C-alpha atoms as a PDB file:
ATOM      1  CA  UNK A   1      25.831 -16.972   0.333  1.00  0.00           C
ATOM      2  CA  UNK A   2      27.995 -13.901   1.260  1.00  0.00           C
ATOM      3  CA  UNK A   3      26.566 -10.669   0.015  1.00  0.00           C
ATOM      4  CA  UNK A   4      28.260  -7.221   0.239  1.00  0.00           C
ATOM      5  CA  UNK A   5      26.452  -3.985  -0.316  1.00  0.00           C
ATOM      6  CA  UNK A   6      28.749  -1.023  -1.107  1.00  0.00           C
ATOM      7  CA  UNK A   7      27.147   2.184   0.254  1.00  0.00           C
ATOM      8  CA  UNK A   8      25.186   2.797   3.407  1.00  0.00           C
ATOM      9  CA  UNK A   9      22.608   4.801   1.458  1.00  0.00           C
ATOM     10  CA  UNK A  10      18.893   4.389   2.174  1.00  0.00           C
ATOM     11  CA  UNK A  11      18.622   1.974  -0.749  1.00  0.00           C
ATOM     12  CA  UNK A  12      21.866   0.265   0.092  1.00  0.00           C
ATOM     13  CA  UNK A  13      20.750  -0.473   3.691  1.00  0.00           C
ATOM     14  CA  UNK A  14      17.386  -1.547   2.356  1.00  0.00           C
ATOM     15  CA  UNK A  15      18.907  -4.071  -0.048  1.00  0.00           C
ATOM     16  CA  UNK A  16      21.148  -5.292   2.763  1.00  0.00           C
ATOM     17  CA  UNK A  17      17.982  -5.930   4.825  1.00  0.00           C
ATOM     18  CA  UNK A  18      16.451  -7.781   1.860  1.00  0.00           C
ATOM     19  CA  UNK A  19      19.520 -10.033   1.501  1.00  0.00           C
ATOM     20  CA  UNK A  20      19.498 -10.696   5.248  1.00  0.00           C
ATOM     21  CA  UNK A  21      15.806 -11.658   5.094  1.00  0.00           C
ATOM     22  CA  UNK A  22      16.706 -14.034   2.242  1.00  0.00           C
ATOM     23  CA  UNK A  23      18.990 -15.858   4.721  1.00  0.00           C
ATOM     24  CA  UNK A  24      22.414 -14.691   3.674  1.00  0.00           C
ATOM     25  CA  UNK A  25      25.512 -13.348   5.362  1.00  0.00           C
ATOM     26  CA  UNK A  26      25.391  -9.608   4.600  1.00  0.00           C
ATOM     27  CA  UNK A  27      27.988  -6.824   5.078  1.00  0.00           C
ATOM     28  CA  UNK A  28      27.512  -3.152   4.259  1.00  0.00           C
ATOM     29  CA  UNK A  29      30.579  -1.281   3.225  1.00  0.00           C
ATOM     30  CA  UNK A  30      30.506   2.178   4.800  1.00  0.00           C
ATOM     31  CA  UNK A  31      32.469   5.359   3.867  1.00  0.00           C
ATOM     32  CA  UNK A  32      34.187   5.596   7.287  1.00  0.00           C
ATOM     33  CA  UNK A  33      34.809   3.632  10.424  1.00  0.00           C
ATOM     34  CA  UNK A  34      32.744   6.216  12.300  1.00  0.00           C
ATOM     35  CA  UNK A  35      29.746   5.542  10.093  1.00  0.00           C
ATOM     36  CA  UNK A  36      30.121   1.791  10.376  1.00  0.00           C
ATOM     37  CA  UNK A  37      30.343   1.999  14.207  1.00  0.00           C
ATOM     38  CA  UNK A  38      27.362   4.363  14.517  1.00  0.00           C
ATOM     39  CA  UNK A  39      25.164   2.078  12.362  1.00  0.00           C
ATOM     40  CA  UNK A  40      26.273  -1.064  14.148  1.00  0.00           C
ATOM     41  CA  UNK A  41      25.576   0.444  17.551  1.00  0.00           C
ATOM     42  CA  UNK A  42      22.284   2.285  16.790  1.00  0.00           C
ATOM     43  CA  UNK A  43      20.814  -0.481  14.550  1.00  0.00           C
ATOM     44  CA  UNK A  44      19.131   2.340  12.724  1.00  0.00           C
ATOM     45  CA  UNK A  45      20.098   4.786   9.989  1.00  0.00           C
ATOM     46  CA  UNK A  46      18.697   7.825  11.801  1.00  0.00           C
ATOM     47  CA  UNK A  47      19.348  10.294   8.943  1.00  0.00           C
ATOM     48  CA  UNK A  48      18.099   8.263   5.936  1.00  0.00           C
ATOM     49  CA  UNK A  49      15.875   5.514   7.363  1.00  0.00           C
ATOM     50  CA  UNK A  50      14.655   6.721  10.713  1.00  0.00           C
ATOM     51  CA  UNK A  51      12.557   4.187  12.616  1.00  0.00           C
ATOM     52  CA  UNK A  52      13.663   1.216  10.498  1.00  0.00           C
ATOM     53  CA  UNK A  53      15.476  -1.473  12.532  1.00  0.00           C
ATOM     54  CA  UNK A  54      18.700  -2.762  11.011  1.00  0.00           C
ATOM     55  CA  UNK A  55      18.840  -6.532  11.810  1.00  0.00           C
ATOM     56  CA  UNK A  56      21.373  -7.691  14.432  1.00  0.00           C
ATOM     57  CA  UNK A  57      23.013 -10.040  11.935  1.00  0.00           C
ATOM     58  CA  UNK A  58      23.775  -7.162   9.507  1.00  0.00           C
ATOM     59  CA  UNK A  59      27.473  -6.214   9.642  1.00  0.00           C
ATOM     60  CA  UNK A  60      28.797  -2.785   8.961  1.00  0.00           C
ATOM     61  CA  UNK A  61      32.500  -2.156   8.148  1.00  0.00           C
ATOM     62  CA  UNK A  62      34.754   0.333   6.382  1.00  0.00           C
ATOM     63  CA  UNK A  63      37.590  -2.136   5.671  1.00  0.00           C
ATOM     64  CA  UNK A  64      36.909  -3.881   2.339  1.00  0.00           C
ATOM     65  CA  UNK A  65      39.534  -6.548   2.782  1.00  0.00           C
ATOM     66  CA  UNK A  66      38.403 -10.087   3.647  1.00  0.00           C
ATOM     67  CA  UNK A  67      37.065 -13.178   2.015  1.00  0.00           C
ATOM     68  CA  UNK A  68      35.325 -12.621  -1.289  1.00  0.00           C
ATOM     69  CA  UNK A  69      31.588 -12.181  -1.635  1.00  0.00           C
ATOM     70  CA  UNK A  70      29.523 -14.086  -4.080  1.00  0.00           C
ATOM     71  CA  UNK A  71      27.448 -11.031  -4.784  1.00  0.00           C
ATOM     72  CA  UNK A  72      28.413  -7.397  -4.513  1.00  0.00           C
ATOM     73  CA  UNK A  73      25.749  -4.692  -4.949  1.00  0.00           C
ATOM     74  CA  UNK A  74      26.813  -1.155  -5.569  1.00  0.00           C
ATOM     75  CA  UNK A  75      24.300   1.166  -4.062  1.00  0.00           C
ATOM     76  CA  UNK A  76      26.092   4.559  -4.463  1.00  0.00           C
ATOM     77  CA  UNK A  77      24.772   7.558  -6.367  1.00  0.00           C
ATOM     78  CA  UNK A  78      25.320   7.322 -10.144  1.00  0.00           C
ATOM     79  CA  UNK A  79      27.574  10.375 -10.417  1.00  0.00           C
ATOM     80  CA  UNK A  80      29.930   8.873  -7.772  1.00  0.00           C
ATOM     81  CA  UNK A  81      29.841   5.293  -8.993  1.00  0.00           C
ATOM     82  CA  UNK A  82      33.176   5.356 -10.905  1.00  0.00           C
ATOM     83  CA  UNK A  83      34.916   7.178  -8.046  1.00  0.00           C
ATOM     84  CA  UNK A  84      33.796   4.526  -5.577  1.00  0.00           C
ATOM     85  CA  UNK A  85      34.668   1.740  -7.876  1.00  0.00           C
ATOM     86  CA  UNK A  86      38.173   3.095  -8.192  1.00  0.00           C
ATOM     87  CA  UNK A  87      38.414   3.404  -4.401  1.00  0.00           C
ATOM     88  CA  UNK A  88      37.152  -0.094  -3.550  1.00  0.00           C
ATOM     89  CA  UNK A  89      37.976  -2.487  -6.438  1.00  0.00           C
ATOM     90  CA  UNK A  90      41.773  -2.603  -5.890  1.00  0.00           C
ATOM     91  CA  UNK A  91      41.188  -3.871  -2.313  1.00  0.00           C
ATOM     92  CA  UNK A  92      38.569  -6.502  -3.046  1.00  0.00           C
ATOM     93  CA  UNK A  93      39.681 -10.081  -2.710  1.00  0.00           C
ATOM     94  CA  UNK A  94      39.348 -11.816  -6.112  1.00  0.00           C
ATOM     95  CA  UNK A  95      36.740 -14.487  -6.274  1.00  0.00           C
ATOM     96  CA  UNK A  96      33.701 -15.958  -8.025  1.00  0.00           C
ATOM     97  CA  UNK A  97      31.623 -12.735  -7.754  1.00  0.00           C
ATOM     98  CA  UNK A  98      28.665 -11.266  -9.546  1.00  0.00           C
ATOM     99  CA  UNK A  99      28.542  -7.447  -9.206  1.00  0.00           C
ATOM    100  CA  UNK A 100      25.351  -5.505  -9.582  1.00  0.00           C
ATOM    101  CA  UNK A 101      24.445  -1.869  -9.826  1.00  0.00           C
ATOM    102  CA  UNK A 102      21.489  -0.614  -7.779  1.00  0.00           C
ATOM    103  CA  UNK A 103      21.883   3.058  -8.961  1.00  0.00           C
ATOM    104  CA  UNK A 104      19.345   4.625 -11.277  1.00  0.00           C
ATOM    105  CA  UNK A 105      21.087   7.148 -13.396  1.00  0.00           C
ATOM    106  CA  UNK A 106      23.393   7.758 -16.339  1.00  0.00           C
ATOM    107  CA  UNK A 107      26.974   9.015 -15.960  1.00  0.00           C
ATOM    108  CA  UNK A 108      27.564  12.629 -16.855  1.00  0.00           C
ATOM    109  CA  UNK A 109      30.122  13.064 -19.678  1.00  0.00           C
ATOM    110  CA  UNK A 110      30.419   9.456 -20.776  1.00  0.00           C
ATOM    111  CA  UNK A 111      26.527   8.892 -21.043  1.00  0.00           C
ATOM    112  CA  UNK A 112      27.207   5.386 -19.824  1.00  0.00           C
ATOM    113  CA  UNK A 113      24.773   3.171 -17.940  1.00  0.00           C
ATOM    114  CA  UNK A 114      26.043   2.039 -14.535  1.00  0.00           C
ATOM    115  CA  UNK A 115      26.658  -1.562 -15.652  1.00  0.00           C
ATOM    116  CA  UNK A 116      28.854  -0.171 -18.422  1.00  0.00           C
ATOM    117  CA  UNK A 117      30.816   1.878 -15.903  1.00  0.00           C
ATOM    118  CA  UNK A 118      31.030  -1.155 -13.662  1.00  0.00           C
ATOM    119  CA  UNK A 119      32.273  -3.486 -16.450  1.00  0.00           C
ATOM    120  CA  UNK A 120      34.783  -0.914 -17.703  1.00  0.00           C
ATOM    121  CA  UNK A 121      36.315  -0.423 -14.222  1.00  0.00           C
ATOM    122  CA  UNK A 122      36.351  -4.141 -13.454  1.00  0.00           C
ATOM    123  CA  UNK A 123      38.386  -4.693 -16.731  1.00  0.00           C
ATOM    124  CA  UNK A 124      40.760  -1.911 -15.780  1.00  0.00           C
ATOM    125  CA  UNK A 125      41.207  -3.644 -12.392  1.00  0.00           C
ATOM    126  CA  UNK A 126      41.820  -6.867 -14.186  1.00  0.00           C
ATOM    127  CA  UNK A 127      38.685  -8.507 -12.716  1.00  0.00           C
ATOM    128  CA  UNK A 128      36.123 -10.543 -14.563  1.00  0.00           C
ATOM    129  CA  UNK A 129      33.270  -8.240 -15.667  1.00  0.00           C
ATOM    130  CA  UNK A 130      30.346 -10.303 -14.423  1.00  0.00           C
ATOM    131  CA  UNK A 131      27.839  -7.502 -13.978  1.00  0.00           C
ATOM    132  CA  UNK A 132      24.110  -6.999 -13.544  1.00  0.00           C
ATOM    133  CA  UNK A 133      21.492  -4.548 -12.368  1.00  0.00           C
ATOM    134  CA  UNK A 134      18.740  -4.392  -9.743  1.00  0.00           C
ATOM    135  CA  UNK A 135      15.834  -2.108 -10.572  1.00  0.00           C
ATOM    136  CA  UNK A 136      12.047  -1.928 -10.182  1.00  0.00           C
ATOM    137  CA  UNK A 137       9.149  -0.166  -8.362  1.00  0.00           C
ATOM    138  CA  UNK A 138      10.904   0.098  -5.096  1.00  0.00           C
ATOM    139  CA  UNK A 139      10.333   2.934  -2.573  1.00  0.00           C
ATOM    140  CA  UNK A 140      13.139   2.108  -0.109  1.00  0.00           C
ATOM    141  CA  UNK A 141      11.258   2.751   3.117  1.00  0.00           C
ATOM    142  CA  UNK A 142       8.366   0.463   2.058  1.00  0.00           C
ATOM    143  CA  UNK A 143      10.765  -2.277   1.127  1.00  0.00           C
ATOM    144  CA  UNK A 144      12.758  -1.896   4.346  1.00  0.00           C
ATOM    145  CA  UNK A 145       9.551  -2.192   6.371  1.00  0.00           C
ATOM    146  CA  UNK A 146       8.765  -5.532   4.738  1.00  0.00           C
ATOM    147  CA  UNK A 147       5.745  -4.377   2.784  1.00  0.00           C
ATOM    148  CA  UNK A 148       5.157  -6.510  -0.336  1.00  0.00           C
ATOM    149  CA  UNK A 149       7.265  -5.429  -3.302  1.00  0.00           C
ATOM    150  CA  UNK A 150       8.805  -6.796  -6.449  1.00  0.00           C
ATOM    151  CA  UNK A 151      11.945  -5.975  -8.425  1.00  0.00           C
ATOM    152  CA  UNK A 152      13.937  -7.133 -11.429  1.00  0.00           C
ATOM    153  CA  UNK A 153      17.489  -8.341 -11.749  1.00  0.00           C
ATOM    154  CA  UNK A 154      19.147  -8.474 -15.165  1.00  0.00           C
ATOM    155  CA  UNK A 155      22.498  -9.810 -16.413  1.00  0.00           C
ATOM    156  CA  UNK A 156      23.769 -11.352 -19.589  1.00  0.00           C
ATOM    157  CA  UNK A 157      24.407 -14.808 -18.088  1.00  0.00           C
ATOM    158  CA  UNK A 158      21.588 -16.923 -16.835  1.00  0.00           C
ATOM    159  CA  UNK A 159      23.631 -18.155 -13.852  1.00  0.00           C
ATOM    160  CA  UNK A 160      24.390 -14.548 -12.840  1.00  0.00           C
ATOM    161  CA  UNK A 161      20.748 -13.562 -13.022  1.00  0.00           C
ATOM    162  CA  UNK A 162      19.766 -16.503 -10.874  1.00  0.00           C
ATOM    163  CA  UNK A 163      22.451 -15.769  -8.245  1.00  0.00           C
ATOM    164  CA  UNK A 164      21.290 -12.156  -7.941  1.00  0.00           C
ATOM    165  CA  UNK A 165      17.700 -13.462  -7.681  1.00  0.00           C
ATOM    166  CA  UNK A 166      18.650 -15.849  -4.928  1.00  0.00           C
ATOM    167  CA  UNK A 167      20.582 -13.136  -3.074  1.00  0.00           C
ATOM    168  CA  UNK A 168      17.519 -10.898  -2.644  1.00  0.00           C
ATOM    169  CA  UNK A 169      14.328 -12.936  -3.027  1.00  0.00           C
ATOM    170  CA  UNK A 170      12.251 -13.370   0.073  1.00  0.00           C
ATOM    171  CA  UNK A 171       8.509 -13.622   0.988  1.00  0.00           C
ATOM    172  CA  UNK A 172       8.155  -9.856   1.082  1.00  0.00           C
ATOM    173  CA  UNK A 173      10.529  -9.080  -1.823  1.00  0.00           C
ATOM    174  CA  UNK A 174       9.694 -11.061  -5.005  1.00  0.00           C
ATOM    175  CA  UNK A 175      12.568 -10.899  -7.507  1.00  0.00           C
ATOM    176  CA  UNK A 176      12.099 -11.480 -11.237  1.00  0.00           C
ATOM    177  CA  UNK A 177      14.934 -12.049 -13.799  1.00  0.00           C
ATOM    178  CA  UNK A 178      15.359 -10.440 -17.157  1.00  0.00           C
ATOM    179  CA  UNK A 179      17.995 -10.709 -19.879  1.00  0.00           C
ATOM    180  CA  UNK A 180      17.503  -7.106 -21.114  1.00  0.00           C
ATOM    181  CA  UNK A 181      20.225  -5.327 -19.099  1.00  0.00           C
ATOM    182  CA  UNK A 182      19.947  -2.116 -21.054  1.00  0.00           C
ATOM    183  CA  UNK A 183      16.159  -1.989 -20.813  1.00  0.00           C
ATOM    184  CA  UNK A 184      15.965  -2.702 -17.026  1.00  0.00           C
ATOM    185  CA  UNK A 185      18.692  -0.137 -16.368  1.00  0.00           C
ATOM    186  CA  UNK A 186      17.305   2.571 -18.642  1.00  0.00           C
ATOM    187  CA  UNK A 187      13.750   2.155 -17.258  1.00  0.00           C
ATOM    188  CA  UNK A 188      15.047   2.887 -13.755  1.00  0.00           C
ATOM    189  CA  UNK A 189      17.057   5.989 -14.947  1.00  0.00           C
ATOM    190  CA  UNK A 190      14.613   7.543 -17.388  1.00  0.00           C
ATOM    191  CA  UNK A 191      11.518   7.239 -15.229  1.00  0.00           C
ATOM    192  CA  UNK A 192      13.117   9.744 -12.750  1.00  0.00           C
ATOM    193  CA  UNK A 193      12.871  12.448 -15.333  1.00  0.00           C
ATOM    194  CA  UNK A 194       9.153  11.793 -16.039  1.00  0.00           C
ATOM    195  CA  UNK A 195       8.471  11.558 -12.268  1.00  0.00           C
ATOM    196  CA  UNK A 196       9.836  15.061 -11.847  1.00  0.00           C
ATOM    197  CA  UNK A 197       7.385  16.172 -14.622  1.00  0.00           C
ATOM    198  CA  UNK A 198       4.430  14.462 -12.940  1.00  0.00           C
ATOM    199  CA  UNK A 199       5.417  15.960  -9.559  1.00  0.00           C
ATOM    200  CA  UNK A 200       5.517  19.386 -11.084  1.00  0.00           C
ATOM    201  CA  UNK A 201       2.052  18.876 -12.586  1.00  0.00           C
ATOM    202  CA  UNK A 202       0.745  17.799  -9.124  1.00  0.00           C
ATOM    203  CA  UNK A 203       2.274  20.950  -7.607  1.00  0.00           C
ATOM    204  CA  UNK A 204       0.470  22.978 -10.334  1.00  0.00           C
ATOM    205  CA  UNK A 205      -2.759  21.069  -9.738  1.00  0.00           C
ATOM    206  CA  UNK A 206      -3.411  20.517 -13.453  1.00  0.00           C
ATOM    207  CA  UNK A 207      -5.776  17.647 -12.699  1.00  0.00           C
ATOM    208  CA  UNK A 208      -5.893  13.824 -13.120  1.00  0.00           C
ATOM    209  CA  UNK A 209      -6.223  13.958 -16.917  1.00  0.00           C
ATOM    210  CA  UNK A 210      -3.080  15.978 -17.328  1.00  0.00           C
ATOM    211  CA  UNK A 211      -1.153  13.786 -14.901  1.00  0.00           C
ATOM    212  CA  UNK A 212      -2.268  10.664 -16.774  1.00  0.00           C
ATOM    213  CA  UNK A 213      -1.146  12.249 -20.021  1.00  0.00           C
ATOM    214  CA  UNK A 214       2.326  13.009 -18.654  1.00  0.00           C
ATOM    215  CA  UNK A 215       2.656   9.424 -17.375  1.00  0.00           C
ATOM    216  CA  UNK A 216       1.664   7.704 -20.586  1.00  0.00           C
ATOM    217  CA  UNK A 217       3.461  10.109 -22.934  1.00  0.00           C
ATOM    218  CA  UNK A 218       6.434   9.951 -20.642  1.00  0.00           C
ATOM    219  CA  UNK A 219       6.472   6.224 -20.833  1.00  0.00           C
ATOM    220  CA  UNK A 220       6.450   6.495 -24.595  1.00  0.00           C
ATOM    221  CA  UNK A 221       9.537   8.835 -24.461  1.00  0.00           C
ATOM    222  CA  UNK A 222      11.299   6.342 -22.172  1.00  0.00           C
ATOM    223  CA  UNK A 223      10.683   3.435 -24.519  1.00  0.00           C
ATOM    224  CA  UNK A 224      11.622   5.465 -27.623  1.00  0.00           C
ATOM    225  CA  UNK A 225      15.030   6.418 -26.246  1.00  0.00           C
ATOM    226  CA  UNK A 226      15.548   2.925 -24.772  1.00  0.00           C
ATOM    227  CA  UNK A 227      14.974   1.130 -28.038  1.00  0.00           C
ATOM    228  CA  UNK A 228      17.343   3.563 -29.742  1.00  0.00           C
ATOM    229  CA  UNK A 229      19.989   2.541 -27.081  1.00  0.00           C
ATOM    230  CA  UNK A 230      19.339  -1.176 -27.745  1.00  0.00           C
ATOM    231  CA  UNK A 231      16.709  -2.042 -25.184  1.00  0.00           C
ATOM    232  CA  UNK A 232      13.733  -4.271 -25.796  1.00  0.00           C
ATOM    233  CA  UNK A 233      10.437  -2.355 -25.990  1.00  0.00           C
ATOM    234  CA  UNK A 234       8.559  -5.000 -23.919  1.00  0.00           C
ATOM    235  CA  UNK A 235      10.770  -4.144 -20.909  1.00  0.00           C
ATOM    236  CA  UNK A 236       9.217  -0.719 -20.538  1.00  0.00           C
ATOM    237  CA  UNK A 237       5.782  -2.345 -20.109  1.00  0.00           C
ATOM    238  CA  UNK A 238       7.051  -4.362 -17.106  1.00  0.00           C
ATOM    239  CA  UNK A 239       8.244  -3.786 -13.567  1.00  0.00           C
ATOM    240  CA  UNK A 240      11.440  -1.998 -14.558  1.00  0.00           C
ATOM    241  CA  UNK A 241       9.605   0.376 -16.831  1.00  0.00           C
ATOM    242  CA  UNK A 242       5.912   1.131 -16.194  1.00  0.00           C
ATOM    243  CA  UNK A 243       6.043  -0.331 -12.698  1.00  0.00           C
ATOM    244  CA  UNK A 244       8.846   1.818 -11.573  1.00  0.00           C
ATOM    245  CA  UNK A 245       7.334   4.922 -13.254  1.00  0.00           C
ATOM    246  CA  UNK A 246       4.002   4.345 -11.556  1.00  0.00           C
ATOM    247  CA  UNK A 247       5.642   3.952  -8.057  1.00  0.00           C
ATOM    248  CA  UNK A 248       8.006   6.870  -8.433  1.00  0.00           C
ATOM    249  CA  UNK A 249       5.591   9.283 -10.063  1.00  0.00           C
ATOM    250  CA  UNK A 250       2.697   8.579  -7.715  1.00  0.00           C
ATOM    251  CA  UNK A 251       4.374   8.157  -4.345  1.00  0.00           C
ATOM    252  CA  UNK A 252       4.737  11.179  -2.077  1.00  0.00           C
ATOM    253  CA  UNK A 253       7.722   9.404  -0.656  1.00  0.00           C
ATOM    254  CA  UNK A 254       9.454   9.537  -4.021  1.00  0.00           C
ATOM    255  CA  UNK A 255      12.436  11.918  -4.164  1.00  0.00           C
ATOM    256  CA  UNK A 256      11.922  12.876  -7.797  1.00  0.00           C
ATOM    257  CA  UNK A 257       8.088  13.370  -7.545  1.00  0.00           C
ATOM    258  CA  UNK A 258       8.567  15.389  -4.378  1.00  0.00           C
ATOM    259  CA  UNK A 259      11.176  17.603  -6.028  1.00  0.00           C
ATOM    260  CA  UNK A 260       8.787  18.188  -8.896  1.00  0.00           C
ATOM    261  CA  UNK A 261       5.918  19.122  -6.569  1.00  0.00           C
ATOM    262  CA  UNK A 262       8.037  21.761  -4.871  1.00  0.00           C
ATOM    263  CA  UNK A 263       8.999  23.241  -8.181  1.00  0.00           C
ATOM    264  CA  UNK A 264       5.405  23.210  -9.370  1.00  0.00           C
ATOM    265  CA  UNK A 265       4.385  25.039  -6.148  1.00  0.00           C
ATOM    266  CA  UNK A 266       6.795  27.920  -6.977  1.00  0.00           C
ATOM    267  CA  UNK A 267      10.182  26.917  -5.656  1.00  0.00           C
ATOM    268  CA  UNK A 268      13.484  27.128  -7.667  1.00  0.00           C
ATOM    269  CA  UNK A 269      15.572  24.018  -8.044  1.00  0.00           C
ATOM    270  CA  UNK A 270      17.938  25.330  -5.371  1.00  0.00           C
ATOM    271  CA  UNK A 271      15.157  25.953  -2.937  1.00  0.00           C
ATOM    272  CA  UNK A 272      13.560  22.566  -3.613  1.00  0.00           C
ATOM    273  CA  UNK A 273      16.860  20.813  -2.985  1.00  0.00           C
ATOM    274  CA  UNK A 274      17.707  22.715   0.206  1.00  0.00           C
ATOM    275  CA  UNK A 275      17.898  20.534   3.289  1.00  0.00           C
ATOM    276  CA  UNK A 276      17.271  17.286   1.402  1.00  0.00           C
ATOM    277  CA  UNK A 277      19.669  14.550   2.714  1.00  0.00           C
ATOM    278  CA  UNK A 278      18.904  12.297  -0.295  1.00  0.00           C
ATOM    279  CA  UNK A 279      20.296  12.351  -3.794  1.00  0.00           C
ATOM    280  CA  UNK A 280      17.704  13.191  -6.440  1.00  0.00           C
ATOM    281  CA  UNK A 281      19.020  11.156  -9.364  1.00  0.00           C
ATOM    282  CA  UNK A 282      16.586  12.599 -11.874  1.00  0.00           C
ATOM    283  CA  UNK A 283      18.229  16.064 -11.832  1.00  0.00           C
ATOM    284  CA  UNK A 284      21.520  15.020 -13.384  1.00  0.00           C
ATOM    285  CA  UNK A 285      19.820  12.337 -15.453  1.00  0.00           C
ATOM    286  CA  UNK A 286      17.757  14.974 -17.162  1.00  0.00           C
ATOM    287  CA  UNK A 287      20.920  16.680 -18.435  1.00  0.00           C
ATOM    288  CA  UNK A 288      22.412  13.427 -19.729  1.00  0.00           C
ATOM    289  CA  UNK A 289      19.197  12.165 -21.297  1.00  0.00           C
ATOM    290  CA  UNK A 290      18.830  15.268 -23.461  1.00  0.00           C
ATOM    291  CA  UNK A 291      22.409  15.050 -24.634  1.00  0.00           C
ATOM    292  CA  UNK A 292      21.897  11.375 -25.626  1.00  0.00           C
ATOM    293  CA  UNK A 293      18.496  12.074 -27.240  1.00  0.00           C
ATOM    294  CA  UNK A 294      19.932  14.933 -29.291  1.00  0.00           C
ATOM    295  CA  UNK A 295      22.833  12.738 -30.523  1.00  0.00           C
ATOM    296  CA  UNK A 296      20.437  10.017 -31.557  1.00  0.00           C
ATOM    297  CA  UNK A 297      17.773  12.449 -32.960  1.00  0.00           C
ATOM    298  CA  UNK A 298      15.126  11.025 -30.522  1.00  0.00           C
ATOM    299  CA  UNK A 299      12.258  13.404 -29.706  1.00  0.00           C
ATOM    300  CA  UNK A 300      11.640  13.792 -25.896  1.00  0.00           C
ATOM    301  CA  UNK A 301       9.451  16.820 -25.447  1.00  0.00           C
ATOM    302  CA  UNK A 302       8.584  16.134 -21.839  1.00  0.00           C
ATOM    303  CA  UNK A 303      12.233  15.667 -20.845  1.00  0.00           C
ATOM    304  CA  UNK A 304      13.073  18.861 -22.771  1.00  0.00           C
ATOM    305  CA  UNK A 305      10.639  21.007 -20.790  1.00  0.00           C
ATOM    306  CA  UNK A 306      11.725  19.416 -17.549  1.00  0.00           C
ATOM    307  CA  UNK A 307      15.211  20.535 -18.354  1.00  0.00           C
ATOM    308  CA  UNK A 308      14.135  24.086 -19.204  1.00  0.00           C
ATOM    309  CA  UNK A 309      12.158  24.274 -15.948  1.00  0.00           C
ATOM    310  CA  UNK A 310      15.106  22.931 -13.811  1.00  0.00           C
ATOM    311  CA  UNK A 311      18.046  24.773 -15.454  1.00  0.00           C
ATOM    312  CA  UNK A 312      16.709  27.657 -17.443  1.00  0.00           C
ATOM    313  CA  UNK A 313      14.015  28.995 -15.107  1.00  0.00           C
ATOM    314  CA  UNK A 314      11.066  28.259 -17.399  1.00  0.00           C
ATOM    315  CA  UNK A 315       7.841  28.818 -15.559  1.00  0.00           C
ATOM    316  CA  UNK A 316       6.155  25.405 -14.979  1.00  0.00           C
ATOM    317  CA  UNK A 317       2.805  26.715 -16.277  1.00  0.00           C
ATOM    318  CA  UNK A 318       4.506  27.833 -19.462  1.00  0.00           C
ATOM    319  CA  UNK A 319       6.084  24.399 -19.741  1.00  0.00           C
ATOM    320  CA  UNK A 320       2.546  22.831 -19.816  1.00  0.00           C
ATOM    321  CA  UNK A 321       1.508  25.357 -22.425  1.00  0.00           C
ATOM    322  CA  UNK A 322       4.517  24.451 -24.584  1.00  0.00           C
ATOM    323  CA  UNK A 323       3.635  20.699 -24.416  1.00  0.00           C
ATOM    324  CA  UNK A 324      -0.128  21.362 -25.124  1.00  0.00           C
ATOM    325  CA  UNK A 325       0.567  23.558 -28.092  1.00  0.00           C
ATOM    326  CA  UNK A 326       2.922  21.210 -30.015  1.00  0.00           C
ATOM    327  CA  UNK A 327       1.837  20.432 -33.520  1.00  0.00           C
ATOM    328  CA  UNK A 328      -0.885  17.719 -33.624  1.00  0.00           C
ATOM    329  CA  UNK A 329       0.512  14.269 -34.436  1.00  0.00           C
ATOM    330  CA  UNK A 330      -0.291  10.560 -34.371  1.00  0.00           C
ATOM    331  CA  UNK A 331      -0.017   8.662 -31.102  1.00  0.00           C
ATOM    332  CA  UNK A 332       3.187   6.607 -30.977  1.00  0.00           C
END
């Protein structure tokens, strides 16, 4: 099978490594010829994945033209997904292709999930909108090293899910299928907001009980909004929901958790972001999530205080007080 990964991001290169381990012909589409040449020569992404070897069989290129791929994985940041689609799609050779998003965010303005953006742009480009998503508890560096990990692929058509599964499944990367595209995608996006909250709590050193409360009540918020947007509640108890939340909120290698820790220790958002080469998806997702929740009248108190801390300068300790002093209610 021929697999193309669009975006030489840390996650894009990691997914390319996974597809190569699964025995496929893999190409990574880079932004520039210079980037493609550097990665091909160094066999290492020194800025984003230092110390991780990029297999010799992995190809890097900036020219999108060529024979069609059976699977294309879009691994660009959410807020640049549409821009990249419009740059690349007109030059892709038409073929029997399943296209999947590997981004974990919601588009600012439209509030769309990435598969919705992908399907919309494919239709505008007069291409068949066979789309899916890859999401799960995946810290890129661990997956790239070949440590045991699992993920979920979701698409409407059974054959598309199975093709995505075949493209990535290997002895070190177990891939499950799911028909709930919205749930798998929303789990990946929403958990970033809660991971920022947990990271902030860790920075404040509020204790294990408080961290556990944020995780479980945060999962409840994720499922509540997800169901309102058409997702299946059971998806949030699986790898794409609880699994991804646990990995992201608990790992010191998580971008969103790390950002939260810095803010909890006293930094502003600008200070916490300074010098970080990675995109922290949870920041923009927080803005979008609250707009969607307000439109649907869904209560998300944790996401609300995360937004106030990030964008309004609310003291993190005051944010904890706000949550703890909410009116008593039933668990649900």
